[in-house]
Amino acid sequence: GNNELMSFLEKCGFAKTSEPPIIIKNSMNMPFRNHELFAIAPKFLDK
């Protein structure tokens, strides 16, 4: 849903490599999202 950010990152040289699955437990519905989480930088990868 963050298409503008994806487009911007691709223009900066990033490449989309996968679409990670959503994992949820003990719920029939997705929790409410306020659309303020744009990205997660889980780790810097070594050279």
All heavy atoms as atom14 arrays in JSON, in Angstrom:
{
  "sequence": "GNNELMSFLEKCGFAKTSEPPIIIKNSMNMPFRNHELFAIAPKFLDK",
  "atom14_mask": [
    [1, 1, 1, 1, 0, 0, 0, 0, 0, 0, 0, 0, 0, 0],
    [1, 1, 1, 1, 1, 1, 1, 1, 0, 0, 0, 0, 0, 0],
    [1, 1, 1, 1, 1, 1, 1, 1, 0, 0, 0, 0, 0, 0],
    [1, 1, 1, 1, 1, 1, 1, 1, 1, 0, 0, 0, 0, 0],
    [1, 1, 1, 1, 1, 1, 1, 1, 0, 0, 0, 0, 0, 0],
    [1, 1, 1, 1, 1, 1, 1, 1, 0, 0, 0, 0, 0, 0],
    [1, 1, 1, 1, 1, 1, 0, 0, 0, 0, 0, 0, 0, 0],
    [1, 1, 1, 1, 1, 1, 1, 1, 1, 1, 1, 0, 0, 0],
    [1, 1, 1, 1, 1, 1, 1, 1, 0, 0, 0, 0, 0, 0],
    [1, 1, 1, 1, 1, 1, 1, 1, 1, 0, 0, 0, 0, 0],
    [1, 1, 1, 1, 1, 1, 1, 1, 1, 0, 0, 0, 0, 0],
    [1, 1, 1, 1, 1, 1, 0, 0, 0, 0, 0, 0, 0, 0],
    [1, 1, 1, 1, 0, 0, 0, 0, 0, 0, 0, 0, 0, 0],
    [1, 1, 1, 1, 1, 1, 1, 1, 1, 1, 1, 0, 0, 0],
    [1, 1, 1, 1, 1, 0, 0, 0, 0, 0, 0, 0, 0, 0],
    [1, 1, 1, 1, 1, 1, 1, 1, 1, 0, 0, 0, 0, 0],
    [1, 1, 1, 1, 1, 1, 1, 0, 0, 0, 0, 0, 0, 0],
    [1, 1, 1, 1, 1, 1, 0, 0, 0, 0, 0, 0, 0, 0],
    [1, 1, 1, 1, 1, 1, 1, 1, 1, 0, 0, 0, 0, 0],
    [1, 1, 1, 1, 1, 1, 1, 0, 0, 0, 0, 0, 0, 0],
    [1, 1, 1, 1, 1, 1, 1, 0, 0, 0, 0, 0, 0, 0],
    [1, 1, 1, 1, 1, 1, 1, 1, 0, 0, 0, 0, 0, 0],
    [1, 1, 1, 1, 1, 1, 1, 1, 0, 0, 0, 0, 0, 0],
    [1, 1, 1, 1, 1, 1, 1, 1, 0, 0, 0, 0, 0, 0],
    [1, 1, 1, 1, 1, 1, 1, 1, 1, 0, 0, 0, 0, 0],
    [1, 1, 1, 1, 1, 1, 1, 1, 0, 0, 0, 0, 0, 0],
    [1, 1, 1, 1, 1, 1, 0, 0, 0, 0, 0, 0, 0, 0],
    [1, 1, 1, 1, 1, 1, 1, 1, 0, 0, 0, 0, 0, 0],
    [1, 1, 1, 1, 1, 1, 1, 1, 0, 0, 0, 0, 0, 0],
    [1, 1, 1, 1, 1, 1, 1, 1, 0, 0, 0, 0, 0, 0],
    [1, 1, 1, 1, 1, 1, 1, 0, 0, 0, 0, 0, 0, 0],
    [1, 1, 1, 1, 1, 1, 1, 1, 1, 1, 1, 0, 0, 0],
    [1, 1, 1, 1, 1, 1, 1, 1, 1, 1, 1, 0, 0, 0],
    [1, 1, 1, 1, 1, 1, 1, 1, 0, 0, 0, 0, 0, 0],
    [1, 1, 1, 1, 1, 1, 1, 1, 1, 1, 0, 0, 0, 0],
    [1, 1, 1, 1, 1, 1, 1, 1, 1, 0, 0, 0, 0, 0],
    [1, 1, 1, 1, 1, 1, 1, 1, 0, 0, 0, 0, 0, 0],
    [1, 1, 1, 1, 1, 1, 1, 1, 1, 1, 1, 0, 0, 0],
    [1, 1, 1, 1, 1, 0, 0, 0, 0, 0, 0, 0, 0, 0],
    [1, 1, 1, 1, 1, 1, 1, 1, 0, 0, 0, 0, 0, 0],
    [1, 1, 1, 1, 1, 0, 0, 0, 0, 0, 0, 0, 0, 0],
    [1, 1, 1, 1, 1, 1, 1, 0, 0, 0, 0, 0, 0, 0],
    [1, 1, 1, 1, 1, 1, 1, 1, 1, 0, 0, 0, 0, 0],
    [1, 1, 1, 1, 1, 1, 1, 1, 1, 1, 1, 0, 0, 0],
    [1, 1, 1, 1, 1, 1, 1, 1, 0, 0, 0, 0, 0, 0],
    [1, 1, 1, 1, 1, 1, 1, 1, 0, 0, 0, 0, 0, 0],
    [1, 1, 1, 1, 1, 1, 1, 1, 1, 0, 0, 0, 0, 0]
  ],
  "atom14_positions": [
    [[0.79, -1.22, 0.0], [0.0, 0.0, 0.0], [0.83, 1.27, 0.0], [0.3, 2.36, -0.13], [0.0, 0.0, 0.0], [0.0, 0.0, 0.0], [0.0, 0.0, 0.0], [0.0, 0.0, 0.0], [0.0, 0.0, 0.0], [0.0, 0.0, 0.0], [0.0, 0.0, 0.0], [0.0, 0.0, 0.0], [0.0, 0.0, 0.0], [0.0, 0.0, 0.0]],
    [[2.14, 1.15, 0.18], [3.02, 2.32, 0.17], [3.67, 2.46, -1.21], [4.89, 2.48, -1.35], [4.08, 2.21, 1.26], [3.5, 2.4, 2.64], [2.68, 3.28, 2.85], [3.91, 1.57, 3.57], [0.0, 0.0, 0.0], [0.0, 0.0, 0.0], [0.0, 0.0, 0.0], [0.0, 0.0, 0.0], [0.0, 0.0, 0.0], [0.0, 0.0, 0.0]],
    [[2.84, 2.58, -2.22], [3.33, 2.61, -3.6], [4.22, 3.8, -3.9], [5.19, 3.67, -4.65], [2.15, 2.57, -4.58], [1.35, 1.29, -4.41], [1.89, 0.25, -4.03], [0.06, 1.37, -4.66], [0.0, 0.0, 0.0], [0.0, 0.0, 0.0], [0.0, 0.0, 0.0], [0.0, 0.0, 0.0], [0.0, 0.0, 0.0], [0.0, 0.0, 0.0]],
    [[3.91, 4.96, -3.34], [4.76, 6.14, -3.57], [6.16, 5.91, -3.03], [7.15, 6.24, -3.69], [4.16, 7.38, -2.9], [3.01, 8.01, -3.63], [2.54, 9.26, -2.91], [2.15, 9.16, -1.73], [2.56, 10.33, -3.53], [0.0, 0.0, 0.0], [0.0, 0.0, 0.0], [0.0, 0.0, 0.0], [0.0, 0.0, 0.0], [0.0, 0.0, 0.0]],
    [[6.25, 5.33, -1.82], [7.56, 5.07, -1.24], [8.31, 4.01, -2.04], [9.52, 4.15, -2.28], [7.43, 4.65, 0.22], [8.75, 4.43, 0.96], [9.6, 5.7, 0.95], [8.5, 3.96, 2.38], [0.0, 0.0, 0.0], [0.0, 0.0, 0.0], [0.0, 0.0, 0.0], [0.0, 0.0, 0.0], [0.0, 0.0, 0.0], [0.0, 0.0, 0.0]],
    [[7.62, 2.97, -2.48], [8.27, 1.94, -3.3], [8.84, 2.56, -4.57], [9.98, 2.28, -4.95], [7.29, 0.83, -3.67], [7.06, -0.18, -2.57], [8.55, -1.09, -2.12], [8.94, -1.9, -3.65], [0.0, 0.0, 0.0], [0.0, 0.0, 0.0], [0.0, 0.0, 0.0], [0.0, 0.0, 0.0], [0.0, 0.0, 0.0], [0.0, 0.0, 0.0]],
    [[8.08, 3.4, -5.22], [8.54, 4.05, -6.44], [9.76, 4.92, -6.16], [10.74, 4.92, -6.91], [7.41, 4.88, -7.04], [7.84, 5.55, -8.19], [0.0, 0.0, 0.0], [0.0, 0.0, 0.0], [0.0, 0.0, 0.0], [0.0, 0.0, 0.0], [0.0, 0.0, 0.0], [0.0, 0.0, 0.0], [0.0, 0.0, 0.0], [0.0, 0.0, 0.0]],
    [[9.72, 5.68, -5.08], [10.83, 6.54, -4.69], [12.09, 5.71, -4.44], [13.18, 6.04, -4.91], [10.47, 7.34, -3.44], [11.62, 8.12, -2.87], [12.02, 9.31, -3.44], [12.31, 7.64, -1.77], [13.1, 10.02, -2.93], [13.38, 8.33, -1.24], [13.77, 9.53, -1.82], [0.0, 0.0, 0.0], [0.0, 0.0, 0.0], [0.0, 0.0, 0.0]],
    [[11.95, 4.6, -3.7], [13.11, 3.76, -3.38], [13.7, 3.13, -4.64], [14.93, 3.03, -4.77], [12.72, 2.67, -2.37], [12.41, 3.18, -0.95], [11.85, 2.05, -0.1], [13.64, 3.8, -0.31], [0.0, 0.0, 0.0], [0.0, 0.0, 0.0], [0.0, 0.0, 0.0], [0.0, 0.0, 0.0], [0.0, 0.0, 0.0], [0.0, 0.0, 0.0]],
    [[12.85, 2.74, -5.57], [13.35, 2.18, -6.83], [14.13, 3.23, -7.61], [15.16, 2.92, -8.21], [12.2, 1.61, -7.65], [11.66, 0.31, -7.04], [10.4, -0.21, -7.7], [9.74, 0.55, -8.44], [10.07, -1.38, -7.46], [0.0, 0.0, 0.0], [0.0, 0.0, 0.0], [0.0, 0.0, 0.0], [0.0, 0.0, 0.0], [0.0, 0.0, 0.0]],
    [[13.69, 4.48, -7.57], [14.42, 5.56, -8.24], [15.76, 5.83, -7.56], [16.69, 6.33, -8.19], [13.58, 6.84, -8.26], [12.41, 6.76, -9.21], [11.55, 8.0, -9.12], [10.31, 7.84, -9.99], [9.34, 8.9, -9.8], [0.0, 0.0, 0.0], [0.0, 0.0, 0.0], [0.0, 0.0, 0.0], [0.0, 0.0, 0.0], [0.0, 0.0, 0.0]],
    [[15.87, 5.47, -6.28], [17.12, 5.64, -5.53], [18.06, 4.45, -5.7], [19.13, 4.42, -5.11], [16.83, 5.84, -4.05], [16.07, 7.42, -3.65], [0.0, 0.0, 0.0], [0.0, 0.0, 0.0], [0.0, 0.0, 0.0], [0.0, 0.0, 0.0], [0.0, 0.0, 0.0], [0.0, 0.0, 0.0], [0.0, 0.0, 0.0], [0.0, 0.0, 0.0]],
    [[17.64, 3.45, -6.48], [18.51, 2.32, -6.74], [18.12, 1.02, -6.04], [18.77, 0.0, -6.24], [0.0, 0.0, 0.0], [0.0, 0.0, 0.0], [0.0, 0.0, 0.0], [0.0, 0.0, 0.0], [0.0, 0.0, 0.0], [0.0, 0.0, 0.0], [0.0, 0.0, 0.0], [0.0, 0.0, 0.0], [0.0, 0.0, 0.0], [0.0, 0.0, 0.0]],
    [[17.09, 1.05, -5.2], [16.64, -0.18, -4.56], [15.87, -1.03, -5.56], [15.29, -0.51, -6.51], [15.73, 0.13, -3.36], [16.46, 0.61, -2.15], [16.73, 1.95, -1.97], [16.89, -0.29, -1.18], [17.41, 2.41, -0.86], [17.57, 0.15, -0.07], [17.83, 1.5, 0.1], [0.0, 0.0, 0.0], [0.0, 0.0, 0.0], [0.0, 0.0, 0.0]],
    [[15.86, -2.33, -5.34], [15.13, -3.25, -6.21], [14.18, -4.08, -5.35], [14.57, -4.58, -4.29], [16.09, -4.18, -6.94], [0.0, 0.0, 0.0], [0.0, 0.0, 0.0], [0.0, 0.0, 0.0], [0.0, 0.0, 0.0], [0.0, 0.0, 0.0], [0.0, 0.0, 0.0], [0.0, 0.0, 0.0], [0.0, 0.0, 0.0], [0.0, 0.0, 0.0]],
    [[12.95, -4.22, -5.81], [11.99, -5.06, -5.1], [12.35, -6.51, -5.37], [12.42, -6.93, -6.52], [10.57, -4.77, -5.58], [9.53, -5.56, -4.82], [8.13, -5.15, -5.23], [7.1, -5.94, -4.46], [5.74, -5.54, -4.84], [0.0, 0.0, 0.0], [0.0, 0.0, 0.0], [0.0, 0.0, 0.0], [0.0, 0.0, 0.0], [0.0, 0.0, 0.0]],
    [[12.59, -7.27, -4.31], [13.02, -8.65, -4.49], [11.97, -9.66, -4.09], [12.0, -10.78, -4.54], [14.31, -8.93, -3.69], [14.05, -8.67, -2.3], [15.45, -8.06, -4.18], [0.0, 0.0, 0.0], [0.0, 0.0, 0.0], [0.0, 0.0, 0.0], [0.0, 0.0, 0.0], [0.0, 0.0, 0.0], [0.0, 0.0, 0.0], [0.0, 0.0, 0.0]],
    [[11.05, -9.27, -3.22], [10.02, -10.21, -2.8], [8.87, -9.45, -2.14], [8.97, -8.27, -1.86], [10.58, -11.24, -1.8], [10.94, -10.6, -0.6], [0.0, 0.0, 0.0], [0.0, 0.0, 0.0], [0.0, 0.0, 0.0], [0.0, 0.0, 0.0], [0.0, 0.0, 0.0], [0.0, 0.0, 0.0], [0.0, 0.0, 0.0], [0.0, 0.0, 0.0]],
    [[7.8, -10.17, -1.91], [6.65, -9.63, -1.19], [6.43, -10.53, 0.02], [5.87, -11.62, -0.11], [5.42, -9.59, -2.09], [4.3, -8.85, -1.46], [3.58, -7.96, -2.48], [4.14, -7.69, -3.55], [2.47, -7.57, -2.17], [0.0, 0.0, 0.0], [0.0, 0.0, 0.0], [0.0, 0.0, 0.0], [0.0, 0.0, 0.0], [0.0, 0.0, 0.0]],
    [[6.91, -10.11, 1.2], [6.82, -10.97, 2.36], [5.37, -11.23, 2.78], [4.51, -10.37, 2.61], [7.58, -10.22, 3.46], [7.71, -8.84, 2.97], [7.53, -8.84, 1.49], [0.0, 0.0, 0.0], [0.0, 0.0, 0.0], [0.0, 0.0, 0.0], [0.0, 0.0, 0.0], [0.0, 0.0, 0.0], [0.0, 0.0, 0.0], [0.0, 0.0, 0.0]],
    [[5.13, -12.42, 3.31], [3.77, -12.75, 3.76], [3.42, -12.01, 5.05], [4.31, -11.57, 5.78], [3.83, -14.25, 4.0], [5.26, -14.49, 4.35], [6.05, -13.51, 3.52], [0.0, 0.0, 0.0], [0.0, 0.0, 0.0], [0.0, 0.0, 0.0], [0.0, 0.0, 0.0], [0.0, 0.0, 0.0], [0.0, 0.0, 0.0], [0.0, 0.0, 0.0]],
    [[2.15, -11.9, 5.31], [1.68, -11.33, 6.57], [1.41, -12.49, 7.5], [0.74, -13.46, 7.13], [0.4, -10.51, 6.35], [0.7, -9.31, 5.47], [-0.19, -10.07, 7.69], [-0.52, -8.52, 5.08], [0.0, 0.0, 0.0], [0.0, 0.0, 0.0], [0.0, 0.0, 0.0], [0.0, 0.0, 0.0], [0.0, 0.0, 0.0], [0.0, 0.0, 0.0]],
    [[1.92, -12.39, 8.71], [1.72, -13.45, 9.7], [0.88, -12.88, 10.83], [1.19, -11.83, 11.38], [3.08, -13.95, 10.23], [3.92, -14.5, 9.07], [2.87, -15.01, 11.32], [5.34, -14.83, 9.46], [0.0, 0.0, 0.0], [0.0, 0.0, 0.0], [0.0, 0.0, 0.0], [0.0, 0.0, 0.0], [0.0, 0.0, 0.0], [0.0, 0.0, 0.0]],
    [[-0.19, -13.58, 11.17], [-1.08, -13.13, 12.23], [-1.56, -14.35, 13.01], [-1.73, -15.43, 12.45], [-2.26, -12.32, 11.64], [-3.05, -11.64, 12.74], [-3.15, -13.18, 10.79], [-3.98, -10.56, 12.22], [0.0, 0.0, 0.0], [0.0, 0.0, 0.0], [0.0, 0.0, 0.0], [0.0, 0.0, 0.0], [0.0, 0.0, 0.0], [0.0, 0.0, 0.0]],
    [[-1.76, -14.18, 14.29], [-2.17, -15.29, 15.15], [-3.33, -14.84, 16.05], [-3.34, -13.7, 16.52], [-0.99, -15.74, 16.01], [-1.29, -16.91, 16.92], [-0.05, -17.33, 17.68], [-0.4, -18.48, 18.62], [0.75, -18.89, 19.41], [0.0, 0.0, 0.0], [0.0, 0.0, 0.0], [0.0, 0.0, 0.0], [0.0, 0.0, 0.0], [0.0, 0.0, 0.0]],
    [[-4.26, -15.74, 16.27], [-5.39, -15.52, 17.19], [-6.28, -14.35, 16.78], [-6.74, -13.58, 17.62], [-4.9, -15.32, 18.63], [-4.16, -16.53, 19.15], [-4.47, -17.65, 18.79], [-3.18, -16.3, 20.0], [0.0, 0.0, 0.0], [0.0, 0.0, 0.0], [0.0, 0.0, 0.0], [0.0, 0.0, 0.0], [0.0, 0.0, 0.0], [0.0, 0.0, 0.0]],
    [[-6.51, -14.19, 15.48], [-7.39, -13.12, 15.02], [-8.02, -13.53, 13.7], [-7.37, -14.18, 12.87], [-6.61, -11.83, 14.84], [-7.46, -10.81, 14.38], [0.0, 0.0, 0.0], [0.0, 0.0, 0.0], [0.0, 0.0, 0.0], [0.0, 0.0, 0.0], [0.0, 0.0, 0.0], [0.0, 0.0, 0.0], [0.0, 0.0, 0.0], [0.0, 0.0, 0.0]],
    [[-9.24, -13.14, 13.5], [-9.92, -13.4, 12.24], [-9.71, -12.25, 11.25], [-9.9, -12.41, 10.06], [-11.43, -13.6, 12.47], [-11.75, -14.83, 13.31], [-11.2, -16.37, 12.56], [-12.32, -16.47, 11.18], [0.0, 0.0, 0.0], [0.0, 0.0, 0.0], [0.0, 0.0, 0.0], [0.0, 0.0, 0.0], [0.0, 0.0, 0.0], [0.0, 0.0, 0.0]],
    [[-9.34, -11.09, 11.76], [-9.16, -9.9, 10.93], [-7.81, -9.26, 11.21], [-7.23, -9.44, 12.28], [-10.26, -8.87, 11.23], [-11.63, -9.41, 10.96], [-11.89, -9.95, 9.9], [-12.52, -9.32, 11.94], [0.0, 0.0, 0.0], [0.0, 0.0, 0.0], [0.0, 0.0, 0.0], [0.0, 0.0, 0.0], [0.0, 0.0, 0.0], [0.0, 0.0, 0.0]],
    [[-7.35, -8.49, 10.24], [-6.13, -7.73, 10.44], [-6.39, -6.62, 11.46], [-7.47, -6.01, 11.45], [-5.68, -7.09, 9.12], [-5.14, -8.08, 8.11], [-3.59, -8.82, 8.66], [-2.52, -7.4, 8.68], [0.0, 0.0, 0.0], [0.0, 0.0, 0.0], [0.0, 0.0, 0.0], [0.0, 0.0, 0.0], [0.0, 0.0, 0.0], [0.0, 0.0, 0.0]],
    [[-5.42, -6.33, 12.32], [-5.6, -5.21, 13.25], [-5.67, -3.88, 12.51], [-5.19, -3.77, 11.38], [-4.36, -5.28, 14.15], [-3.42, -6.21, 13.48], [-4.15, -7.0, 12.47], [0.0, 0.0, 0.0], [0.0, 0.0, 0.0], [0.0, 0.0, 0.0], [0.0, 0.0, 0.0], [0.0, 0.0, 0.0], [0.0, 0.0, 0.0], [0.0, 0.0, 0.0]],
    [[-6.25, -2.88, 13.15], [-6.37, -1.55, 12.58], [-4.98, -0.99, 12.27], [-4.06, -1.11, 13.06], [-7.09, -0.61, 13.55], [-7.06, 0.82, 13.12], [-7.87, 1.25, 12.08], [-6.21, 1.73, 13.71], [-7.84, 2.57, 11.66], [-6.17, 3.05, 13.3], [-6.99, 3.46, 12.27], [0.0, 0.0, 0.0], [0.0, 0.0, 0.0], [0.0, 0.0, 0.0]],
    [[-4.82, -0.4, 11.09], [-3.57, 0.26, 10.69], [-3.86, 1.73, 10.45], [-4.82, 2.07, 9.76], [-3.04, -0.36, 9.39], [-2.72, -1.85, 9.46], [-1.49, -2.17, 10.31], [-0.28, -1.61, 9.8], [0.55, -2.22, 8.97], [0.3, -3.43, 8.56], [1.65, -1.63, 8.56], [0.0, 0.0, 0.0], [0.0, 0.0, 0.0], [0.0, 0.0, 0.0]],
    [[-3.03, 2.61, 11.0], [-3.25, 4.04, 10.81], [-2.46, 4.6, 9.62], [-2.43, 5.79, 9.41], [-2.91, 4.81, 12.09], [-1.45, 4.73, 12.46], [-0.63, 4.18, 11.72], [-1.1, 5.29, 13.61], [0.0, 0.0, 0.0], [0.0, 0.0, 0.0], [0.0, 0.0, 0.0], [0.0, 0.0, 0.0], [0.0, 0.0, 0.0], [0.0, 0.0, 0.0]],
    [[-1.8, 3.73, 8.87], [-1.07, 4.1, 7.65], [0.09, 5.05, 7.92], [0.44, 5.84, 7.08], [-2.01, 4.66, 6.6], [-3.13, 3.73, 6.27], [-2.95, 2.54, 5.59], [-4.44, 3.78, 6.58], [-4.09, 1.92, 5.48], [-5.02, 2.63, 6.07], [0.0, 0.0, 0.0], [0.0, 0.0, 0.0], [0.0, 0.0, 0.0], [0.0, 0.0, 0.0]],
    [[0.69, 4.96, 9.11], [1.84, 5.79, 9.43], [3.14, 4.99, 9.47], [4.21, 5.55, 9.66], [1.63, 6.54, 10.74], [0.54, 7.58, 10.62], [0.34, 8.4, 11.88], [0.95, 8.09, 12.92], [-0.44, 9.36, 11.82], [0.0, 0.0, 0.0], [0.0, 0.0, 0.0], [0.0, 0.0, 0.0], [0.0, 0.0, 0.0], [0.0, 0.0, 0.0]],
    [[3.07, 3.67, 9.29], [4.28, 2.86, 9.19], [4.63, 2.74, 7.71], [3.9, 2.14, 6.94], [4.07, 1.47, 9.79], [5.25, 0.5, 9.63], [6.48, 1.02, 10.36], [4.88, -0.88, 10.12], [0.0, 0.0, 0.0], [0.0, 0.0, 0.0], [0.0, 0.0, 0.0], [0.0, 0.0, 0.0], [0.0, 0.0, 0.0], [0.0, 0.0, 0.0]],
    [[5.72, 3.35, 7.31], [6.11, 3.38, 5.91], [7.14, 2.32, 5.56], [7.16, 1.82, 4.45], [6.62, 4.76, 5.52], [5.51, 5.74, 5.28], [4.94, 6.44, 6.32], [5.0, 5.92, 4.0], [3.9, 7.32, 6.1], [3.96, 6.8, 3.76], [3.4, 7.5, 4.83], [0.0, 0.0, 0.0], [0.0, 0.0, 0.0], [0.0, 0.0, 0.0]],
    [[8.02, 1.99, 6.48], [9.06, 1.01, 6.17], [9.68, 0.48, 7.44], [9.61, 1.12, 8.49], [10.14, 1.66, 5.3], [0.0, 0.0, 0.0], [0.0, 0.0, 0.0], [0.0, 0.0, 0.0], [0.0, 0.0, 0.0], [0.0, 0.0, 0.0], [0.0, 0.0, 0.0], [0.0, 0.0, 0.0], [0.0, 0.0, 0.0], [0.0, 0.0, 0.0]],
    [[10.3, -0.68, 7.31], [11.05, -1.27, 8.4], [12.42, -1.63, 7.84], [12.51, -2.31, 6.82], [10.36, -2.54, 8.94], [8.94, -2.21, 9.4], [11.17, -3.16, 10.07], [8.08, -3.43, 9.63], [0.0, 0.0, 0.0], [0.0, 0.0, 0.0], [0.0, 0.0, 0.0], [0.0, 0.0, 0.0], [0.0, 0.0, 0.0], [0.0, 0.0, 0.0]],
    [[13.46, -1.12, 8.47], [14.81, -1.47, 8.06], [15.3, -2.52, 9.06], [15.83, -2.19, 10.11], [15.72, -0.25, 8.06], [0.0, 0.0, 0.0], [0.0, 0.0, 0.0], [0.0, 0.0, 0.0], [0.0, 0.0, 0.0], [0.0, 0.0, 0.0], [0.0, 0.0, 0.0], [0.0, 0.0, 0.0], [0.0, 0.0, 0.0], [0.0, 0.0, 0.0]],
    [[15.05, -3.8, 8.76], [15.33, -4.83, 9.76], [16.81, -5.03, 10.05], [17.17, -5.39, 11.15], [14.74, -6.1, 9.15], [14.62, -5.83, 7.72], [14.51, -4.35, 7.54], [0.0, 0.0, 0.0], [0.0, 0.0, 0.0], [0.0, 0.0, 0.0], [0.0, 0.0, 0.0], [0.0, 0.0, 0.0], [0.0, 0.0, 0.0], [0.0, 0.0, 0.0]],
    [[17.66, -4.78, 9.09], [19.09, -4.91, 9.36], [19.91, -4.36, 8.22], [19.48, -4.34, 7.08], [19.48, -6.34, 9.62], [19.24, -7.27, 8.43], [19.59, -8.7, 8.8], [19.18, -9.65, 7.69], [19.53, -11.0, 7.97], [0.0, 0.0, 0.0], [0.0, 0.0, 0.0], [0.0, 0.0, 0.0], [0.0, 0.0, 0.0], [0.0, 0.0, 0.0]],
    [[21.08, -3.9, 8.57], [22.05, -3.56, 7.55], [22.77, -4.85, 7.21], [23.15, -5.61, 8.09], [23.06, -2.52, 8.06], [22.46, -1.16, 8.22], [22.29, -0.62, 9.47], [22.07, -0.44, 7.12], [21.75, 0.64, 9.63], [21.52, 0.83, 7.25], [21.36, 1.36, 8.52], [0.0, 0.0, 0.0], [0.0, 0.0, 0.0], [0.0, 0.0, 0.0]],
    [[22.96, -5.12, 5.96], [23.63, -6.34, 5.54], [25.1, -6.05, 5.3], [25.45, -5.0, 4.77], [22.97, -6.86, 4.26], [21.47, -7.11, 4.36], [20.9, -7.44, 2.98], [21.16, -8.21, 5.34], [0.0, 0.0, 0.0], [0.0, 0.0, 0.0], [0.0, 0.0, 0.0], [0.0, 0.0, 0.0], [0.0, 0.0, 0.0], [0.0, 0.0, 0.0]],
    [[25.95, -6.95, 5.72], [27.38, -6.77, 5.53], [27.72, -6.69, 4.05], [27.06, -7.28, 3.22], [28.16, -7.94, 6.15], [28.02, -7.98, 7.65], [27.85, -6.91, 8.25], [28.08, -9.08, 8.22], [0.0, 0.0, 0.0], [0.0, 0.0, 0.0], [0.0, 0.0, 0.0], [0.0, 0.0, 0.0], [0.0, 0.0, 0.0], [0.0, 0.0, 0.0]],
    [[28.78, -5.98, 3.77], [29.29, -5.95, 2.39], [29.71, -7.35, 1.99], [30.24, -8.1, 2.8], [30.5, -5.02, 2.28], [30.17, -3.57, 2.28], [31.43, -2.78, 2.04], [31.13, -1.31, 1.94], [32.33, -0.53, 1.68], [0.0, 0.0, 0.0], [0.0, 0.0, 0.0], [0.0, 0.0, 0.0], [0.0, 0.0, 0.0], [0.0, 0.0, 0.0]]
  ]
}
